[in-house]
Amino acid sequence: MNVAWQNHIESSYSVIRGKPRIKGTRIPVSLILGYLANGYATDKIIDEFPDIDKDKIAACLDYARELAEFEVAA
């Protein structure tokens, strides 16, 4: 699934201390990634958090992928 995370994820210090979260919610990206890491299916996550959908879950994965590709210049 090709989803641009920038359309679904935001961060501002006034909400959950700036942790990246799904836009319009207080659901942190790290929580969704944790559910996925523990083997939860996307449908189960959506049951737990009805404010999100498959695109938002895919955006969390895309966000994590982009962070993993980040390189620090020495």
Protein backbone atom coordinates (compact mmCIF):
# COMPACT_ATOMS: atom_id res chain seq x y z
CA MET A 1 0.00 0.00 0.00
CA ASN A 2 1.51 3.29 -1.10
CA VAL A 3 0.54 5.95 1.46
CA ALA A 4 2.34 9.22 2.14
CA TRP A 5 2.71 9.37 5.90
CA GLN A 6 2.72 13.19 5.83
CA ASN A 7 -0.99 13.14 5.02
CA HIS A 8 -1.84 11.15 8.15
CA ILE A 9 0.74 11.89 10.85
CA GLU A 10 1.44 15.10 12.74
CA SER A 11 3.33 16.28 15.78
CA SER A 12 2.96 19.27 18.06
CA TYR A 13 4.36 19.70 21.53
CA SER A 14 0.96 20.66 22.96
CA VAL A 15 -0.42 17.18 22.25
CA ILE A 16 1.25 14.14 23.87
CA ARG A 17 4.48 16.13 24.22
CA GLY A 18 5.22 16.22 20.53
CA LYS A 19 5.19 12.49 19.89
CA PRO A 20 4.18 11.72 16.30
CA ARG A 21 0.49 10.85 16.25
CA ILE A 22 -2.30 10.14 13.84
CA LYS A 23 -3.79 13.46 12.70
CA GLY A 24 -6.85 14.56 14.62
CA THR A 25 -6.28 12.01 17.39
CA ARG A 26 -4.13 11.43 20.44
CA ILE A 27 -3.09 8.00 19.14
CA PRO A 28 0.72 7.86 18.94
CA VAL A 29 2.40 6.21 15.97
CA SER A 30 4.48 4.16 18.40
CA LEU A 31 1.33 2.57 19.83
CA ILE A 32 0.15 1.41 16.41
CA LEU A 33 3.63 0.12 15.57
CA GLY A 34 3.66 -1.76 18.86
CA TYR A 35 0.37 -3.43 18.04
CA LEU A 36 1.71 -4.46 14.63
CA ALA A 37 4.95 -5.75 16.18
CA ASN A 38 2.88 -7.91 18.51
CA GLY A 39 1.07 -9.52 15.60
CA TYR A 40 -2.23 -7.64 15.64
CA ALA A 41 -4.03 -7.62 12.31
CA THR A 42 -5.04 -4.23 10.93
CA ASP A 43 -8.73 -5.08 11.39
CA LYS A 44 -8.14 -5.80 15.09
CA ILE A 45 -6.32 -2.47 15.50
CA ILE A 46 -9.20 -0.66 13.80
CA ASP A 47 -11.62 -2.42 16.18
CA GLU A 48 -9.56 -1.06 19.11
CA PHE A 49 -9.27 2.43 17.59
CA PRO A 50 -12.31 3.21 15.41
CA ASP A 51 -10.92 6.68 14.58
CA ILE A 52 -8.28 5.17 12.29
CA ASP A 53 -8.35 3.16 9.07
CA LYS A 54 -5.99 1.02 6.99
CA ASP A 55 -4.44 4.08 5.33
CA LYS A 56 -3.48 5.53 8.70
CA ILE A 57 -1.94 2.23 9.79
CA ALA A 58 0.00 2.07 6.51
CA ALA A 59 1.14 5.66 7.13
CA CYS A 60 2.60 4.57 10.48
CA LEU A 61 4.63 1.90 8.71
CA ASP A 62 5.76 4.34 6.03
CA TYR A 63 6.80 6.81 8.74
CA ALA A 64 8.85 4.10 10.50
CA ARG A 65 10.44 3.06 7.19
CA GLU A 66 11.49 6.63 6.48
CA LEU A 67 13.01 7.00 9.95
CA ALA A 68 14.94 3.76 9.49
CA GLU A 69 16.43 5.10 6.25
CA PHE A 70 17.55 8.36 7.88
CA GLU A 71 21.31 8.79 7.74
CA VAL A 72 23.37 11.02 9.96
CA ALA A 73 26.35 12.61 8.27
CA ALA A 74 29.56 12.08 10.19
